C-alpha atoms as a PDB file:
ATOM      1  CA  MET A   1     -13.080  11.491 -20.595  1.00  0.00           C
ATOM      2  CA  SER A   2     -12.913   7.793 -19.735  1.00  0.00           C
ATOM      3  CA  THR A   3      -9.132   7.422 -19.546  1.00  0.00           C
ATOM      4  CA  MET A   4      -6.170   9.559 -18.547  1.00  0.00           C
ATOM      5  CA  ASN A   5      -4.738  11.588 -21.423  1.00  0.00           C
ATOM      6  CA  LYS A   6      -0.986  11.132 -21.844  1.00  0.00           C
ATOM      7  CA  ASN A   7      -0.519  14.886 -21.288  1.00  0.00           C
ATOM      8  CA  ALA A   8      -2.825  15.037 -18.238  1.00  0.00           C
ATOM      9  CA  LYS A   9      -1.343  16.594 -15.121  1.00  0.00           C
ATOM     10  CA  ILE A  10      -0.969  13.738 -12.636  1.00  0.00           C
ATOM     11  CA  TYR A  11       0.045  14.296  -9.018  1.00  0.00           C
ATOM     12  CA  ILE A  12       1.704  11.398  -7.198  1.00  0.00           C
ATOM     13  CA  ALA A  13       1.667  12.193  -3.488  1.00  0.00           C
ATOM     14  CA  GLY A  14       4.441  10.251  -1.763  1.00  0.00           C
ATOM     15  CA  HIS A  15       6.474   9.678  -4.924  1.00  0.00           C
ATOM     16  CA  ARG A  16       9.632   8.619  -3.065  1.00  0.00           C
ATOM     17  CA  GLY A  17       8.049   5.728  -1.181  1.00  0.00           C
ATOM     18  CA  LEU A  18       7.622   2.099  -2.175  1.00  0.00           C
ATOM     19  CA  VAL A  19       4.150   2.727  -3.627  1.00  0.00           C
ATOM     20  CA  GLY A  20       4.700   6.192  -5.058  1.00  0.00           C
ATOM     21  CA  SER A  21       8.010   5.411  -6.781  1.00  0.00           C
ATOM     22  CA  ALA A  22       6.448   2.347  -8.433  1.00  0.00           C
ATOM     23  CA  LEU A  23       3.572   4.530  -9.654  1.00  0.00           C
ATOM     24  CA  VAL A  24       5.999   7.069 -11.138  1.00  0.00           C
ATOM     25  CA  ARG A  25       7.924   4.336 -12.976  1.00  0.00           C
ATOM     26  CA  ASN A  26       4.738   2.741 -14.300  1.00  0.00           C
ATOM     27  CA  LEU A  27       3.302   6.044 -15.539  1.00  0.00           C
ATOM     28  CA  GLN A  28       6.571   7.038 -17.190  1.00  0.00           C
ATOM     29  CA  THR A  29       6.820   3.658 -18.913  1.00  0.00           C
ATOM     30  CA  LYS A  30       3.293   4.136 -20.270  1.00  0.00           C
ATOM     31  CA  GLY A  31       4.197   7.526 -21.729  1.00  0.00           C
ATOM     32  CA  TYR A  32       2.738   9.945 -19.183  1.00  0.00           C
ATOM     33  CA  SER A  33       4.957  13.014 -19.319  1.00  0.00           C
ATOM     34  CA  ASN A  34       3.256  15.576 -17.059  1.00  0.00           C
ATOM     35  CA  LEU A  35       3.876  14.109 -13.607  1.00  0.00           C
ATOM     36  CA  LEU A  36       3.736  16.267 -10.493  1.00  0.00           C
ATOM     37  CA  HIS A  37       5.567  15.402  -7.297  1.00  0.00           C
ATOM     38  CA  ARG A  38       7.100  17.170  -4.342  1.00  0.00           C
ATOM     39  CA  THR A  39       9.458  16.021  -1.596  1.00  0.00           C
ATOM     40  CA  HIS A  40       8.421  16.374   2.038  1.00  0.00           C
ATOM     41  CA  ALA A  41      10.887  19.281   2.344  1.00  0.00           C
ATOM     42  CA  GLU A  42       9.173  21.031  -0.569  1.00  0.00           C
ATOM     43  CA  LEU A  43       5.609  20.334   0.562  1.00  0.00           C
ATOM     44  CA  ASP A  44       4.500  19.186   4.010  1.00  0.00           C
ATOM     45  CA  LEU A  45       1.176  17.487   3.328  1.00  0.00           C
ATOM     46  CA  THR A  46       0.241  17.529   7.015  1.00  0.00           C
ATOM     47  CA  HIS A  47      -0.140  21.320   6.678  1.00  0.00           C
ATOM     48  CA  GLN A  48      -3.546  22.259   5.325  1.00  0.00           C
ATOM     49  CA  THR A  49      -2.770  25.746   3.983  1.00  0.00           C
ATOM     50  CA  THR A  50       0.370  24.718   2.083  1.00  0.00           C
ATOM     51  CA  THR A  51      -1.373  21.663   0.616  1.00  0.00           C
ATOM     52  CA  GLU A  52      -4.323  23.741  -0.550  1.00  0.00           C
ATOM     53  CA  ALA A  53      -1.996  26.367  -2.031  1.00  0.00           C
ATOM     54  CA  PHE A  54      -0.146  23.672  -3.981  1.00  0.00           C
ATOM     55  CA  PHE A  55      -3.388  22.295  -5.453  1.00  0.00           C
ATOM     56  CA  ALA A  56      -4.681  25.765  -6.281  1.00  0.00           C
ATOM     57  CA  GLN A  57      -1.470  26.590  -8.139  1.00  0.00           C
ATOM     58  CA  GLU A  58      -0.883  23.284  -9.952  1.00  0.00           C
ATOM     59  CA  LYS A  59      -4.495  22.172 -10.620  1.00  0.00           C
ATOM     60  CA  PRO A  60      -3.761  18.452 -11.169  1.00  0.00           C
ATOM     61  CA  ASP A  61      -6.208  16.446 -13.284  1.00  0.00           C
ATOM     62  CA  TYR A  62      -5.599  13.163 -11.465  1.00  0.00           C
ATOM     63  CA  VAL A  63      -4.220  12.287  -8.034  1.00  0.00           C
ATOM     64  CA  PHE A  64      -2.611   9.114  -6.688  1.00  0.00           C
ATOM     65  CA  LEU A  65      -2.666   9.505  -2.901  1.00  0.00           C
ATOM     66  CA  ALA A  66       0.254   7.284  -1.863  1.00  0.00           C
ATOM     67  CA  ALA A  67       1.723   9.586   0.795  1.00  0.00           C
ATOM     68  CA  ALA A  68       1.507   8.030   4.266  1.00  0.00           C
ATOM     69  CA  LYS A  69       3.394   7.225   7.434  1.00  0.00           C
ATOM     70  CA  VAL A  70       3.979   3.470   7.234  1.00  0.00           C
ATOM     71  CA  GLY A  71       5.876   0.752   9.082  1.00  0.00           C
ATOM     72  CA  GLY A  72       5.783  -2.774  10.459  1.00  0.00           C
ATOM     73  CA  ILE A  73       4.508  -4.140  13.785  1.00  0.00           C
ATOM     74  CA  HIS A  74       7.360  -2.588  15.798  1.00  0.00           C
ATOM     75  CA  ALA A  75       6.872   0.888  14.333  1.00  0.00           C
ATOM     76  CA  ASN A  76       3.104   0.718  14.767  1.00  0.00           C
ATOM     77  CA  ASN A  77       3.540  -0.282  18.413  1.00  0.00           C
ATOM     78  CA  GLU A  78       6.128   2.410  19.141  1.00  0.00           C
ATOM     79  CA  TYR A  79       4.541   5.384  17.367  1.00  0.00           C
ATOM     80  CA  PRO A  80       0.731   4.958  17.427  1.00  0.00           C
ATOM     81  CA  ALA A  81       0.054   8.679  17.867  1.00  0.00           C
ATOM     82  CA  GLU A  82       2.104   9.622  14.797  1.00  0.00           C
ATOM     83  CA  PHE A  83       0.509   6.868  12.737  1.00  0.00           C
ATOM     84  CA  ILE A  84      -3.036   8.128  13.304  1.00  0.00           C
ATOM     85  CA  ARG A  85      -2.232  11.859  13.427  1.00  0.00           C
ATOM     86  CA  ASP A  86      -0.019  12.148  10.348  1.00  0.00           C
ATOM     87  CA  ASN A  87      -2.097   9.866   8.145  1.00  0.00           C
ATOM     88  CA  LEU A  88      -5.365  11.590   9.037  1.00  0.00           C
ATOM     89  CA  ALA A  89      -3.813  14.980   8.301  1.00  0.00           C
ATOM     90  CA  ILE A  90      -2.249  13.992   4.968  1.00  0.00           C
ATOM     91  CA  GLN A  91      -5.317  12.342   3.491  1.00  0.00           C
ATOM     92  CA  THR A  92      -7.768  14.929   4.816  1.00  0.00           C
ATOM     93  CA  ASN A  93      -5.786  17.782   3.298  1.00  0.00           C
ATOM     94  CA  ILE A  94      -5.315  16.093  -0.090  1.00  0.00           C
ATOM     95  CA  ILE A  95      -8.875  14.779  -0.512  1.00  0.00           C
ATOM     96  CA  HIS A  96     -10.403  18.134   0.396  1.00  0.00           C
ATOM     97  CA  ALA A  97      -8.026  20.063  -1.863  1.00  0.00           C
ATOM     98  CA  ALA A  98      -8.734  17.620  -4.708  1.00  0.00           C
ATOM     99  CA  TRP A  99     -12.453  18.390  -4.437  1.00  0.00           C
ATOM    100  CA  GLN A 100     -11.822  22.141  -4.169  1.00  0.00           C
ATOM    101  CA  ASN A 101      -9.751  22.089  -7.358  1.00  0.00           C
ATOM    102  CA  LYS A 102     -12.014  19.787  -9.393  1.00  0.00           C
ATOM    103  CA  VAL A 103      -9.641  16.818  -9.705  1.00  0.00           C
ATOM    104  CA  LYS A 104     -11.207  14.363 -12.185  1.00  0.00           C
ATOM    105  CA  ARG A 105     -10.239  11.177 -10.380  1.00  0.00           C
ATOM    106  CA  LEU A 106      -8.379  10.396  -7.163  1.00  0.00           C
ATOM    107  CA  LEU A 107      -7.047   7.016  -6.075  1.00  0.00           C
ATOM    108  CA  PHE A 108      -6.545   6.694  -2.315  1.00  0.00           C
ATOM    109  CA  LEU A 109      -4.056   3.961  -1.360  1.00  0.00           C
ATOM    110  CA  GLY A 110      -4.906   2.037   1.778  1.00  0.00           C
ATOM    111  CA  SER A 111      -3.926  -1.318   3.254  1.00  0.00           C
ATOM    112  CA  SER A 112      -5.354  -4.764   3.949  1.00  0.00           C
ATOM    113  CA  CYS A 113      -5.186  -3.973   7.682  1.00  0.00           C
ATOM    114  CA  ILE A 114      -8.464  -2.028   7.302  1.00  0.00           C
ATOM    115  CA  TYR A 115     -10.278  -5.356   7.544  1.00  0.00           C
ATOM    116  CA  PRO A 116     -11.243  -6.963  10.876  1.00  0.00           C
ATOM    117  CA  LYS A 117      -8.622  -9.089  12.611  1.00  0.00           C
ATOM    118  CA  LEU A 118     -10.784 -12.195  12.322  1.00  0.00           C
ATOM    119  CA  ALA A 119     -12.477 -11.409   9.005  1.00  0.00           C
ATOM    120  CA  PRO A 120     -13.585 -14.404   6.912  1.00  0.00           C
ATOM    121  CA  GLN A 121     -10.951 -15.427   4.372  1.00  0.00           C
ATOM    122  CA  PRO A 122     -10.435 -14.367   1.664  1.00  0.00           C
ATOM    123  CA  MET A 123     -11.430 -10.807   2.611  1.00  0.00           C
ATOM    124  CA  LYS A 124     -14.062  -9.176   0.415  1.00  0.00           C
ATOM    125  CA  GLU A 125     -14.409  -5.398   0.148  1.00  0.00           C
ATOM    126  CA  GLU A 126     -17.753  -5.493   1.972  1.00  0.00           C
ATOM    127  CA  TYR A 127     -16.116  -6.973   5.106  1.00  0.00           C
ATOM    128  CA  LEU A 128     -15.011  -3.446   6.002  1.00  0.00           C
ATOM    129  CA  LEU A 129     -16.310  -2.356   9.445  1.00  0.00           C
ATOM    130  CA  THR A 130     -17.692  -5.787  10.342  1.00  0.00           C
ATOM    131  CA  GLY A 131     -15.471  -6.490  13.391  1.00  0.00           C
ATOM    132  CA  PRO A 132     -12.616  -5.390  15.683  1.00  0.00           C
ATOM    133  CA  LEU A 133      -9.262  -4.519  14.132  1.00  0.00           C
ATOM    134  CA  GLU A 134      -5.821  -5.974  14.872  1.00  0.00           C
ATOM    135  CA  PRO A 135      -4.646  -3.918  17.922  1.00  0.00           C
ATOM    136  CA  THR A 136      -0.999  -3.611  16.797  1.00  0.00           C
ATOM    137  CA  ASN A 137      -1.899  -1.462  13.783  1.00  0.00           C
ATOM    138  CA  ARG A 138      -5.321  -0.125  14.749  1.00  0.00           C
ATOM    139  CA  PRO A 139      -4.284   3.591  14.663  1.00  0.00           C
ATOM    140  CA  TYR A 140      -3.004   3.224  11.091  1.00  0.00           C
ATOM    141  CA  ALA A 141      -5.993   1.123  10.036  1.00  0.00           C
ATOM    142  CA  LEU A 142      -8.497   3.602  11.494  1.00  0.00           C
ATOM    143  CA  ALA A 143      -6.801   6.458   9.647  1.00  0.00           C
ATOM    144  CA  LYS A 144      -7.105   4.520   6.386  1.00  0.00           C
ATOM    145  CA  ILE A 145     -10.752   3.654   7.108  1.00  0.00           C
ATOM    146  CA  ALA A 146     -11.400   7.353   7.693  1.00  0.00           C
ATOM    147  CA  GLY A 147      -9.821   8.041   4.283  1.00  0.00           C
ATOM    148  CA  ILE A 148     -12.176   5.548   2.634  1.00  0.00           C
ATOM    149  CA  GLU A 149     -15.159   7.144   4.363  1.00  0.00           C
ATOM    150  CA  MET A 150     -13.969  10.578   3.285  1.00  0.00           C
ATOM    151  CA  CYS A 151     -13.765   9.476  -0.365  1.00  0.00           C
ATOM    152  CA  TRP A 152     -17.211   7.902  -0.020  1.00  0.00           C
ATOM    153  CA  SER A 153     -18.703  10.995   1.618  1.00  0.00           C
ATOM    154  CA  TYR A 154     -17.296  13.393  -0.974  1.00  0.00           C
ATOM    155  CA  ASN A 155     -18.570  11.124  -3.763  1.00  0.00           C
ATOM    156  CA  ARG A 156     -22.088  11.169  -2.273  1.00  0.00           C
ATOM    157  CA  GLN A 157     -22.225  14.849  -1.405  1.00  0.00           C
ATOM    158  CA  TYR A 158     -20.196  16.455  -4.182  1.00  0.00           C
ATOM    159  CA  GLY A 159     -20.265  13.901  -7.011  1.00  0.00           C
ATOM    160  CA  THR A 160     -16.481  13.412  -6.947  1.00  0.00           C
ATOM    161  CA  GLN A 161     -14.813  10.311  -8.399  1.00  0.00           C
ATOM    162  CA  PHE A 162     -12.596   9.279  -5.510  1.00  0.00           C
ATOM    163  CA  LEU A 163     -11.755   5.565  -5.305  1.00  0.00           C
ATOM    164  CA  ALA A 164      -9.848   3.630  -2.626  1.00  0.00           C
ATOM    165  CA  ALA A 165      -7.452   0.825  -3.570  1.00  0.00           C
ATOM    166  CA  MET A 166      -6.464  -1.640  -0.860  1.00  0.00           C
ATOM    167  CA  PRO A 167      -3.200  -3.413  -1.719  1.00  0.00           C
ATOM    168  CA  THR A 168      -2.116  -6.470   0.186  1.00  0.00           C
ATOM    169  CA  ASN A 169       1.388  -6.598   1.731  1.00  0.00           C
ATOM    170  CA  LEU A 170       3.800  -4.946  -0.701  1.00  0.00           C
ATOM    171  CA  TYR A 171       7.523  -5.313  -1.361  1.00  0.00           C
ATOM    172  CA  GLY A 172       9.927  -4.344  -4.108  1.00  0.00           C
ATOM    173  CA  PRO A 173      12.166  -1.511  -5.401  1.00  0.00           C
ATOM    174  CA  GLY A 174      12.468   1.413  -2.993  1.00  0.00           C
ATOM    175  CA  ASP A 175      11.488  -0.653   0.052  1.00  0.00           C
ATOM    176  CA  ASN A 176      12.499   0.354   3.577  1.00  0.00           C
ATOM    177  CA  TYR A 177      15.181  -1.963   4.996  1.00  0.00           C
ATOM    178  CA  HIS A 178      15.430  -0.333   8.436  1.00  0.00           C
ATOM    179  CA  PRO A 179      16.312  -3.034  11.015  1.00  0.00           C
ATOM    180  CA  GLU A 180      13.357  -2.119  13.271  1.00  0.00           C
ATOM    181  CA  ASN A 181      10.795  -0.092  11.300  1.00  0.00           C
ATOM    182  CA  SER A 182      10.498  -2.119   8.089  1.00  0.00           C
ATOM    183  CA  HIS A 183       7.846  -4.583   6.916  1.00  0.00           C
ATOM    184  CA  VAL A 184       8.363  -8.329   7.052  1.00  0.00           C
ATOM    185  CA  ILE A 185       9.981  -9.078   3.651  1.00  0.00           C
ATOM    186  CA  PRO A 186      12.617  -6.293   3.722  1.00  0.00           C
ATOM    187  CA  ALA A 187      13.241  -6.991   7.416  1.00  0.00           C
ATOM    188  CA  LEU A 188      13.889 -10.682   6.733  1.00  0.00           C
ATOM    189  CA  ILE A 189      16.006  -9.967   3.652  1.00  0.00           C
ATOM    190  CA  ARG A 190      18.243  -7.746   5.762  1.00  0.00           C
ATOM    191  CA  LYS A 191      18.383 -10.271   8.614  1.00  0.00           C
ATOM    192  CA  PHE A 192      19.319 -13.227   6.431  1.00  0.00           C
ATOM    193  CA  HIS A 193      21.797 -11.179   4.376  1.00  0.00           C
ATOM    194  CA  GLU A 194      23.616  -9.953   7.489  1.00  0.00           C
ATOM    195  CA  ALA A 195      23.540 -13.426   9.042  1.00  0.00           C
ATOM    196  CA  LYS A 196      25.187 -14.829   5.913  1.00  0.00           C
ATOM    197  CA  GLN A 197      27.827 -12.071   5.914  1.00  0.00           C
ATOM    198  CA  GLU A 198      28.602 -12.659   9.600  1.00  0.00           C
ATOM    199  CA  ASN A 199      28.344 -16.477   9.444  1.00  0.00           C
ATOM    200  CA  SER A 200      25.715 -16.423  12.196  1.00  0.00           C
ATOM    201  CA  PRO A 201      24.442 -19.923  13.090  1.00  0.00           C
ATOM    202  CA  THR A 202      20.813 -18.806  13.500  1.00  0.00           C
ATOM    203  CA  VAL A 203      18.342 -16.155  12.385  1.00  0.00           C
ATOM    204  CA  THR A 204      15.522 -15.249  14.748  1.00  0.00           C
ATOM    205  CA  VAL A 205      12.123 -14.453  13.236  1.00  0.00           C
ATOM    206  CA  TRP A 206       9.399 -12.725  15.235  1.00  0.00           C
ATOM    207  CA  GLY A 207       6.333 -14.782  16.192  1.00  0.00           C
ATOM    208  CA  THR A 208       5.451 -18.427  15.707  1.00  0.00           C
ATOM    209  CA  GLY A 209       5.805 -18.538  11.934  1.00  0.00           C
ATOM    210  CA  THR A 210       2.216 -19.743  11.518  1.00  0.00           C
ATOM    211  CA  PRO A 211       0.382 -16.554  10.392  1.00  0.00           C
ATOM    212  CA  ARG A 212      -0.398 -16.493   6.691  1.00  0.00           C
ATOM    213  CA  ARG A 213       0.319 -13.454   4.531  1.00  0.00           C
ATOM    214  CA  GLU A 214      -0.260 -12.480   0.921  1.00  0.00           C
ATOM    215  CA  PHE A 215       2.485 -10.541  -0.862  1.00  0.00           C
ATOM    216  CA  LEU A 216       2.336  -8.394  -3.998  1.00  0.00           C
ATOM    217  CA  TYR A 217       5.313  -7.031  -5.909  1.00  0.00           C
ATOM    218  CA  SER A 218       5.136  -3.228  -5.917  1.00  0.00           C
ATOM    219  CA  GLU A 219       5.486  -2.947  -9.704  1.00  0.00           C
ATOM    220  CA  ASP A 220       2.353  -5.087 -10.080  1.00  0.00           C
ATOM    221  CA  MET A 221       0.528  -2.923  -7.548  1.00  0.00           C
ATOM    222  CA  ALA A 222       1.360   0.218  -9.540  1.00  0.00           C
ATOM    223  CA  ASP A 223       0.193  -1.398 -12.748  1.00  0.00           C
ATOM    224  CA  ALA A 224      -3.139  -2.277 -11.109  1.00  0.00           C
ATOM    225  CA  CYS A 225      -3.585   1.296  -9.838  1.00  0.00           C
ATOM    226  CA  VAL A 226      -2.946   2.843 -13.254  1.00  0.00           C
ATOM    227  CA  PHE A 227      -5.296   0.231 -14.755  1.00  0.00           C
ATOM    228  CA  LEU A 228      -8.058   1.310 -12.348  1.00  0.00           C
ATOM    229  CA  MET A 229      -7.556   5.009 -13.078  1.00  0.00           C
ATOM    230  CA  ASN A 230      -7.850   4.272 -16.810  1.00  0.00           C
ATOM    231  CA  LEU A 231     -11.109   2.342 -16.613  1.00  0.00           C
ATOM    232  CA  PRO A 232     -13.936   3.563 -18.857  1.00  0.00           C
ATOM    233  CA  ASP A 233     -16.428   5.818 -17.086  1.00  0.00           C
ATOM    234  CA  GLU A 234     -19.184   3.230 -16.663  1.00  0.00           C
ATOM    235  CA  LYS A 235     -16.827   0.701 -15.032  1.00  0.00           C
ATOM    236  CA  TYR A 236     -15.028   3.260 -12.890  1.00  0.00           C
ATOM    237  CA  VAL A 237     -18.205   4.917 -11.625  1.00  0.00           C
ATOM    238  CA  SER A 238     -19.618   1.529 -10.636  1.00  0.00           C
ATOM    239  CA  LEU A 239     -16.745   1.187  -8.126  1.00  0.00           C
ATOM    240  CA  LEU A 240     -17.357   4.489  -6.306  1.00  0.00           C
ATOM    241  CA  GLY A 241     -19.685   3.128  -3.624  1.00  0.00           C
ATOM    242  CA  CYS A 242     -23.387   3.579  -3.160  1.00  0.00           C
ATOM    243  CA  ASP A 243     -25.656   5.618  -0.904  1.00  0.00           C
ATOM    244  CA  GLU A 244     -26.853   3.052   1.635  1.00  0.00           C
ATOM    245  CA  ALA A 245     -29.956   5.125   2.399  1.00  0.00           C
ATOM    246  CA  LYS A 246     -31.045   4.752  -1.225  1.00  0.00           C
ATOM    247  CA  ALA A 247     -29.582   1.420  -2.274  1.00  0.00           C
ATOM    248  CA  SER A 248     -30.043  -0.498   1.013  1.00  0.00           C
ATOM    249  CA  GLU A 249     -26.673  -2.185   0.615  1.00  0.00           C
ATOM    250  CA  PHE A 250     -23.164  -1.695   1.988  1.00  0.00           C
ATOM    251  CA  ARG A 251     -20.847  -1.101  -0.967  1.00  0.00           C
ATOM    252  CA  PRO A 252     -17.800   1.053  -0.111  1.00  0.00           C
ATOM    253  CA  PRO A 253     -15.659   2.636  -2.872  1.00  0.00           C
ATOM    254  CA  VAL A 254     -12.937   0.022  -2.380  1.00  0.00           C
ATOM    255  CA  VAL A 255     -11.083  -2.349  -4.693  1.00  0.00           C
ATOM    256  CA  ASN A 256      -8.703  -4.970  -3.310  1.00  0.00           C
ATOM    257  CA  ILE A 257      -5.337  -5.351  -5.059  1.00  0.00           C
ATOM    258  CA  GLY A 258      -3.551  -8.636  -4.489  1.00  0.00           C
ATOM    259  CA  VAL A 259      -2.654 -12.040  -5.882  1.00  0.00           C
ATOM    260  CA  GLY A 260      -5.301 -14.167  -4.165  1.00  0.00           C
ATOM    261  CA  GLU A 261      -2.749 -16.585  -2.647  1.00  0.00           C
ATOM    262  CA  ASP A 262      -0.809 -16.555   0.633  1.00  0.00           C
ATOM    263  CA  VAL A 263       2.091 -18.250   2.444  1.00  0.00           C
ATOM    264  CA  THR A 264       2.996 -18.762   6.102  1.00  0.00           C
ATOM    265  CA  ILE A 265       5.683 -16.570   7.647  1.00  0.00           C
ATOM    266  CA  LYS A 266       7.717 -19.764   8.054  1.00  0.00           C
ATOM    267  CA  GLU A 267       7.411 -20.475   4.300  1.00  0.00           C
ATOM    268  CA  LEU A 268       8.355 -16.868   3.588  1.00  0.00           C
ATOM    269  CA  ALA A 269      11.453 -17.111   5.799  1.00  0.00           C
ATOM    270  CA  GLU A 270      12.492 -20.371   4.110  1.00  0.00           C
ATOM    271  CA  ALA A 271      12.073 -18.811   0.655  1.00  0.00           C
ATOM    272  CA  ILE A 272      14.213 -15.780   1.586  1.00  0.00           C
ATOM    273  CA  LYS A 273      16.812 -18.035   3.203  1.00  0.00           C
ATOM    274  CA  GLN A 274      17.073 -20.024  -0.036  1.00  0.00           C
ATOM    275  CA  VAL A 275      17.321 -16.970  -2.305  1.00  0.00           C
ATOM    276  CA  ILE A 276      20.073 -15.447  -0.149  1.00  0.00           C
ATOM    277  CA  GLY A 277      21.906 -18.728   0.245  1.00  0.00           C
ATOM    278  CA  TYR A 278      22.009 -18.679   4.052  1.00  0.00           C
ATOM    279  CA  SER A 279      22.999 -22.065   5.487  1.00  0.00           C
ATOM    280  CA  GLY A 280      22.132 -21.583   9.176  1.00  0.00           C
ATOM    281  CA  GLU A 281      18.971 -22.368  11.125  1.00  0.00           C
ATOM    282  CA  ILE A 282      15.763 -20.367  11.547  1.00  0.00           C
ATOM    283  CA  GLU A 283      14.429 -19.834  15.072  1.00  0.00           C
ATOM    284  CA  PHE A 284      10.998 -18.391  15.886  1.00  0.00           C
ATOM    285  CA  ASP A 285      10.529 -16.114  18.899  1.00  0.00           C
ATOM    286  CA  ALA A 286       7.001 -16.927  20.081  1.00  0.00           C
ATOM    287  CA  THR A 287       7.185 -14.159  22.721  1.00  0.00           C
ATOM    288  CA  LYS A 288       6.883 -11.603  19.900  1.00  0.00           C
ATOM    289  CA  PRO A 289       3.473 -10.724  18.400  1.00  0.00           C
ATOM    290  CA  ASP A 290       2.138 -12.614  15.402  1.00  0.00           C
ATOM    291  CA  GLY A 291      -0.346  -9.957  14.347  1.00  0.00           C
ATOM    292  CA  THR A 292      -3.446 -11.001  12.411  1.00  0.00           C
ATOM    293  CA  PRO A 293      -3.646 -14.821  11.927  1.00  0.00           C
ATOM    294  CA  ARG A 294      -4.392 -14.509   8.220  1.00  0.00           C
ATOM    295  CA  LYS A 295      -4.841 -11.695   5.703  1.00  0.00           C
ATOM    296  CA  LEU A 296      -5.801 -12.958   2.262  1.00  0.00           C
ATOM    297  CA  MET A 297      -7.492 -10.613  -0.182  1.00  0.00           C
ATOM    298  CA  ASP A 298     -10.471 -11.550  -2.318  1.00  0.00           C
ATOM    299  CA  VAL A 299      -9.415 -10.108  -5.670  1.00  0.00           C
ATOM    300  CA  GLY A 300     -12.466 -11.233  -7.613  1.00  0.00           C
ATOM    301  CA  ARG A 301     -13.601  -7.662  -8.261  1.00  0.00           C
ATOM    302  CA  LEU A 302     -10.239  -6.654  -9.774  1.00  0.00           C
ATOM    303  CA  HIS A 303      -9.934  -9.853 -11.816  1.00  0.00           C
ATOM    304  CA  ALA A 304     -13.454  -9.340 -13.190  1.00  0.00           C
ATOM    305  CA  LEU A 305     -12.366  -5.915 -14.423  1.00  0.00           C
ATOM    306  CA  GLY A 306      -9.550  -7.562 -16.399  1.00  0.00           C
ATOM    307  CA  TRP A 307      -6.361  -7.198 -14.324  1.00  0.00           C
ATOM    308  CA  THR A 308      -4.175  -9.942 -12.818  1.00  0.00           C
ATOM    309  CA  ASP A 309      -0.675  -9.912 -11.315  1.00  0.00           C
ATOM    310  CA  LYS A 310       2.377 -10.704 -13.462  1.00  0.00           C
ATOM    311  CA  VAL A 311       5.362 -11.204 -11.084  1.00  0.00           C
ATOM    312  CA  SER A 312       5.453 -14.577  -9.291  1.00  0.00           C
ATOM    313  CA  PHE A 313       6.325 -14.837  -5.587  1.00  0.00           C
ATOM    314  CA  ALA A 314       9.645 -16.595  -6.306  1.00  0.00           C
ATOM    315  CA  ASP A 315      10.670 -14.061  -8.967  1.00  0.00           C
ATOM    316  CA  GLY A 316       9.592 -11.179  -6.757  1.00  0.00           C
ATOM    317  CA  ILE A 317      11.730 -12.310  -3.796  1.00  0.00           C
ATOM    318  CA  ASP A 318      14.709 -12.737  -6.112  1.00  0.00           C
ATOM    319  CA  LYS A 319      14.198  -9.258  -7.607  1.00  0.00           C
ATOM    320  CA  ALA A 320      13.787  -7.758  -4.118  1.00  0.00           C
ATOM    321  CA  TYR A 321      17.076  -9.266  -2.928  1.00  0.00           C
ATOM    322  CA  GLN A 322      18.892  -8.019  -6.026  1.00  0.00           C
ATOM    323  CA  GLY A 323      17.503  -4.557  -5.288  1.00  0.00           C
ATOM    324  CA  PHE A 324      18.649  -4.746  -1.667  1.00  0.00           C
ATOM    325  CA  CYS A 325      22.190  -5.750  -2.701  1.00  0.00           C
ATOM    326  CA  ALA A 326      22.363  -2.887  -5.211  1.00  0.00           C
ATOM    327  CA  LYS A 327      21.200  -0.463  -2.521  1.00  0.00           C
ATOM    328  CA  GLU A 328      23.794  -1.768  -0.064  1.00  0.00           C
ATOM    329  CA  LYS A 329      26.588  -1.298  -2.612  1.00  0.00           C
ATOM    330  CA  VAL A 330      25.543   2.306  -3.172  1.00  0.00           C
ATOM    331  CA  LEU A 331      25.522   2.966   0.583  1.00  0.00           C
ATOM    332  CA  GLN A 332      28.961   1.394   0.998  1.00  0.00           C
ATOM    333  CA  ARG A 333      30.406   3.725  -1.642  1.00  0.00           C
ATOM    334  CA  ILE A 334      29.050   6.859   0.053  1.00  0.00           C
END
């Protein structure tokens, strides 16, 4: 079967998160009616026996592995042990159980931070493992690299069809707006919104403002993932990596998902300031870490397959702010 049947049993691990919730919405919109998901309270994916029991009982046909412990620079710095431990456990349990229960296809969601800190730009899939990682998120990145290698190893040894998708920086509906543990767009949206509400004269942004980042709206990311899982067999199989011992080339089972364009953090802050209508000044705290100087994805492989993004940066920021305001109103009523 080259594409997912509309009645296929599809498990979305991490369905409440930014990535997972976007996947659920996209699948539902496309008419998929047999979606499996469990909350953390219902199924702790860090526990091997309970994860394997779930797979044995439900027997999903397809798996989107979006469950992960995620966060921004602050969270990665504060909780490195949890970031490597929990992510290794979750992905190891799911990938192994997927093989045990003959899952047809699995899509493992990673992150652009798998690439070296000083990788050539834009970053091609084959730049994986070619240099040192950014120290601030190395535990998370190493966990994700291990997940890629696990997919690759199971494909070689067992003939599985496990693919890894590496989205660039994501934002959108269901984002985490925690004041300390969120990623840069939701963190700045919250900062500028509160500064406007409080008539604060300045907003302080971490770092120098010079690093460049690429941003992808989460609904576009989900659409790309479902597109990949629906590829005809010959195209999909060609993405699953090769055996270096036989092919004499380094071709991991990875596809970048992004827009192929980036902005500086300063430009990002200015765009969010404008959308929110904040009239104060922006200050940059150069004592705080910048992270990787630039992270721009090479999306040539995905574009060649026939997929491109649909939501522009300006529209995406506007949609994200509308979503934040709606979320705030709900919280205020509780």
